[in-house]
Amino acid sequence: MNKPDASLTQAKQELIKQYSSCQLGMTPKEFYSKWPVTHSMMAMICSRSVATVGRWFSRGRNYLRPQPSDLRHLAVMDFLLEHFEEIPVRVAWPLALELRNMLCPPNHDQC
């Protein structure tokens, strides 16, 4: 579809443009040093195995570079952890459930 959806305002279309060119990312080492998480929690955040996360922290030939999607997941989780308490409870939980359903629909294998 080449024509933008008429229900999207110009501001929303601009937000989409900005988001698509955004280089949002946080390395596993940055996230791990900032938050008291385990490799298991980080694996859950990024939908990876604990072994994969462990390889992100390895050196030498066992090292595995995180994918751009992993860096984005960590950056989004960092933002949520930083700002979650600023969102009023009456908004936060419904928003969190709605966001989870949008990002990870029920019966979706990866979520």
C-alpha atoms as a PDB file:
ATOM      1  CA  MET A   1       0.000   0.000   0.000  1.00  0.00           C
ATOM      2  CA  ASN A   2       1.631   3.225  -1.119  1.00  0.00           C
ATOM      3  CA  LYS A   3      -0.913   5.680   0.235  1.00  0.00           C
ATOM      4  CA  PRO A   4      -0.587   6.505   3.973  1.00  0.00           C
ATOM      5  CA  ASP A   5      -3.545   5.486   6.121  1.00  0.00           C
ATOM      6  CA  ALA A   6      -5.859   8.476   6.462  1.00  0.00           C
ATOM      7  CA  SER A   7      -6.320   7.760  10.169  1.00  0.00           C
ATOM      8  CA  LEU A   8      -2.659   8.534  10.851  1.00  0.00           C
ATOM      9  CA  THR A   9      -2.062  12.163  11.621  1.00  0.00           C
ATOM     10  CA  GLN A  10       0.955  13.935  10.213  1.00  0.00           C
ATOM     11  CA  ALA A  11       2.524  13.841  13.682  1.00  0.00           C
ATOM     12  CA  LYS A  12       2.053  10.050  13.886  1.00  0.00           C
ATOM     13  CA  GLN A  13       3.495   9.595  10.409  1.00  0.00           C
ATOM     14  CA  GLU A  14       6.509  11.679  11.458  1.00  0.00           C
ATOM     15  CA  LEU A  15       6.886   9.565  14.608  1.00  0.00           C
ATOM     16  CA  ILE A  16       6.973   6.439  12.444  1.00  0.00           C
ATOM     17  CA  LYS A  17       9.672   7.981  10.231  1.00  0.00           C
ATOM     18  CA  GLN A  18      11.777   8.956  13.222  1.00  0.00           C
ATOM     19  CA  TYR A  19      11.364   5.552  14.872  1.00  0.00           C
ATOM     20  CA  SER A  20      12.322   3.690  11.705  1.00  0.00           C
ATOM     21  CA  SER A  21      15.641   5.530  11.495  1.00  0.00           C
ATOM     22  CA  CYS A  22      16.299   5.341  15.225  1.00  0.00           C
ATOM     23  CA  GLN A  23      19.404   3.428  16.256  1.00  0.00           C
ATOM     24  CA  LEU A  24      17.948   2.491  19.636  1.00  0.00           C
ATOM     25  CA  GLY A  25      20.178  -0.009  21.357  1.00  0.00           C
ATOM     26  CA  MET A  26      21.832  -0.967  24.622  1.00  0.00           C
ATOM     27  CA  THR A  27      24.558  -3.571  24.890  1.00  0.00           C
ATOM     28  CA  PRO A  28      24.134  -6.537  27.208  1.00  0.00           C
ATOM     29  CA  LYS A  29      27.135  -5.355  29.255  1.00  0.00           C
ATOM     30  CA  GLU A  30      25.599  -1.882  29.676  1.00  0.00           C
ATOM     31  CA  PHE A  31      22.243  -3.367  30.687  1.00  0.00           C
ATOM     32  CA  TYR A  32      23.834  -5.897  33.046  1.00  0.00           C
ATOM     33  CA  SER A  33      25.935  -3.228  34.756  1.00  0.00           C
ATOM     34  CA  LYS A  34      22.919  -0.951  35.196  1.00  0.00           C
ATOM     35  CA  TRP A  35      20.271  -3.417  36.398  1.00  0.00           C
ATOM     36  CA  PRO A  36      20.530  -6.308  38.899  1.00  0.00           C
ATOM     37  CA  VAL A  37      19.457  -8.981  36.422  1.00  0.00           C
ATOM     38  CA  THR A  38      20.549 -12.525  35.780  1.00  0.00           C
ATOM     39  CA  HIS A  39      21.430 -14.023  32.439  1.00  0.00           C
ATOM     40  CA  SER A  40      18.127 -15.870  32.662  1.00  0.00           C
ATOM     41  CA  MET A  41      16.190 -12.604  32.959  1.00  0.00           C
ATOM     42  CA  MET A  42      18.116 -11.110  30.062  1.00  0.00           C
ATOM     43  CA  ALA A  43      17.338 -14.215  28.000  1.00  0.00           C
ATOM     44  CA  MET A  44      13.645 -13.753  28.784  1.00  0.00           C
ATOM     45  CA  ILE A  45      13.745 -10.080  27.743  1.00  0.00           C
ATOM     46  CA  CYS A  46      15.391 -10.895  24.408  1.00  0.00           C
ATOM     47  CA  SER A  47      13.648 -14.232  23.756  1.00  0.00           C
ATOM     48  CA  ARG A  48      16.994 -16.011  23.652  1.00  0.00           C
ATOM     49  CA  SER A  49      18.421 -19.005  25.471  1.00  0.00           C
ATOM     50  CA  VAL A  50      20.484 -18.564  28.610  1.00  0.00           C
ATOM     51  CA  ALA A  51      23.382 -20.161  26.718  1.00  0.00           C
ATOM     52  CA  THR A  52      23.142 -17.504  23.999  1.00  0.00           C
ATOM     53  CA  VAL A  53      23.180 -14.722  26.578  1.00  0.00           C
ATOM     54  CA  GLY A  54      26.192 -16.340  28.226  1.00  0.00           C
ATOM     55  CA  ARG A  55      28.030 -16.231  24.893  1.00  0.00           C
ATOM     56  CA  TRP A  56      27.412 -12.466  24.682  1.00  0.00           C
ATOM     57  CA  PHE A  57      29.680 -12.173  27.739  1.00  0.00           C
ATOM     58  CA  SER A  58      32.276 -14.707  26.537  1.00  0.00           C
ATOM     59  CA  ARG A  59      35.652 -13.892  25.044  1.00  0.00           C
ATOM     60  CA  GLY A  60      37.457 -15.487  22.180  1.00  0.00           C
ATOM     61  CA  ARG A  61      35.890 -17.979  19.838  1.00  0.00           C
ATOM     62  CA  ASN A  62      32.878 -18.594  22.103  1.00  0.00           C
ATOM     63  CA  TYR A  63      31.822 -14.939  21.844  1.00  0.00           C
ATOM     64  CA  LEU A  64      28.552 -14.303  20.030  1.00  0.00           C
ATOM     65  CA  ARG A  65      27.597 -10.788  18.962  1.00  0.00           C
ATOM     66  CA  PRO A  66      24.049  -9.815  19.994  1.00  0.00           C
ATOM     67  CA  GLN A  67      21.694  -9.083  17.120  1.00  0.00           C
ATOM     68  CA  PRO A  68      20.315  -5.555  16.580  1.00  0.00           C
ATOM     69  CA  SER A  69      16.927  -6.811  17.808  1.00  0.00           C
ATOM     70  CA  ASP A  70      18.564  -7.890  21.090  1.00  0.00           C
ATOM     71  CA  LEU A  71      20.066  -4.420  21.571  1.00  0.00           C
ATOM     72  CA  ARG A  72      16.657  -2.862  20.889  1.00  0.00           C
ATOM     73  CA  HIS A  73      14.893  -5.182  23.361  1.00  0.00           C
ATOM     74  CA  LEU A  74      17.398  -4.233  26.050  1.00  0.00           C
ATOM     75  CA  ALA A  75      17.052  -0.519  25.309  1.00  0.00           C
ATOM     76  CA  VAL A  76      13.238  -0.695  25.448  1.00  0.00           C
ATOM     77  CA  MET A  77      13.377  -2.661  28.702  1.00  0.00           C
ATOM     78  CA  ASP A  78      15.831  -0.113  30.115  1.00  0.00           C
ATOM     79  CA  PHE A  79      13.406   2.668  29.229  1.00  0.00           C
ATOM     80  CA  LEU A  80      10.480   0.809  30.811  1.00  0.00           C
ATOM     81  CA  LEU A  81      12.453   0.096  33.986  1.00  0.00           C
ATOM     82  CA  GLU A  82      13.533   3.734  34.190  1.00  0.00           C
ATOM     83  CA  HIS A  83      10.090   5.236  33.652  1.00  0.00           C
ATOM     84  CA  PHE A  84       7.532   2.639  34.731  1.00  0.00           C
ATOM     85  CA  GLU A  85       6.895   4.251  38.115  1.00  0.00           C
ATOM     86  CA  GLU A  86       6.169   7.605  36.454  1.00  0.00           C
ATOM     87  CA  ILE A  87       3.122   6.156  34.715  1.00  0.00           C
ATOM     88  CA  PRO A  88       0.009   6.236  36.946  1.00  0.00           C
ATOM     89  CA  VAL A  89      -1.083   2.752  38.053  1.00  0.00           C
ATOM     90  CA  ARG A  90      -4.522   3.177  36.485  1.00  0.00           C
ATOM     91  CA  VAL A  91      -2.738   3.677  33.153  1.00  0.00           C
ATOM     92  CA  ALA A  92       0.322   1.482  33.649  1.00  0.00           C
ATOM     93  CA  TRP A  93      -1.234  -1.954  34.003  1.00  0.00           C
ATOM     94  CA  PRO A  94      -3.819  -1.657  31.221  1.00  0.00           C
ATOM     95  CA  LEU A  95      -1.132  -0.076  29.047  1.00  0.00           C
ATOM     96  CA  ALA A  96       1.342  -2.824  29.912  1.00  0.00           C
ATOM     97  CA  LEU A  97      -1.216  -5.507  29.042  1.00  0.00           C
ATOM     98  CA  GLU A  98      -2.162  -3.748  25.818  1.00  0.00           C
ATOM     99  CA  LEU A  99       1.494  -3.277  24.889  1.00  0.00           C
ATOM    100  CA  ARG A 100       2.261  -6.916  25.607  1.00  0.00           C
ATOM    101  CA  ASN A 101      -0.702  -8.053  23.495  1.00  0.00           C
ATOM    102  CA  MET A 102       0.393  -5.757  20.657  1.00  0.00           C
ATOM    103  CA  LEU A 103       4.015  -6.869  20.751  1.00  0.00           C
ATOM    104  CA  CYS A 104       3.327 -10.486  21.648  1.00  0.00           C
ATOM    105  CA  PRO A 105      -0.205 -11.503  20.634  1.00  0.00           C
ATOM    106  CA  PRO A 106      -1.722 -14.448  22.525  1.00  0.00           C
ATOM    107  CA  ASN A 107      -0.689 -17.809  21.030  1.00  0.00           C
ATOM    108  CA  HIS A 108       2.424 -16.252  19.438  1.00  0.00           C
ATOM    109  CA  ASP A 109       5.289 -18.748  19.616  1.00  0.00           C
ATOM    110  CA  GLN A 110       8.111 -16.211  20.108  1.00  0.00           C
ATOM    111  CA  CYS A 111       6.628 -14.367  23.096  1.00  0.00           C
END
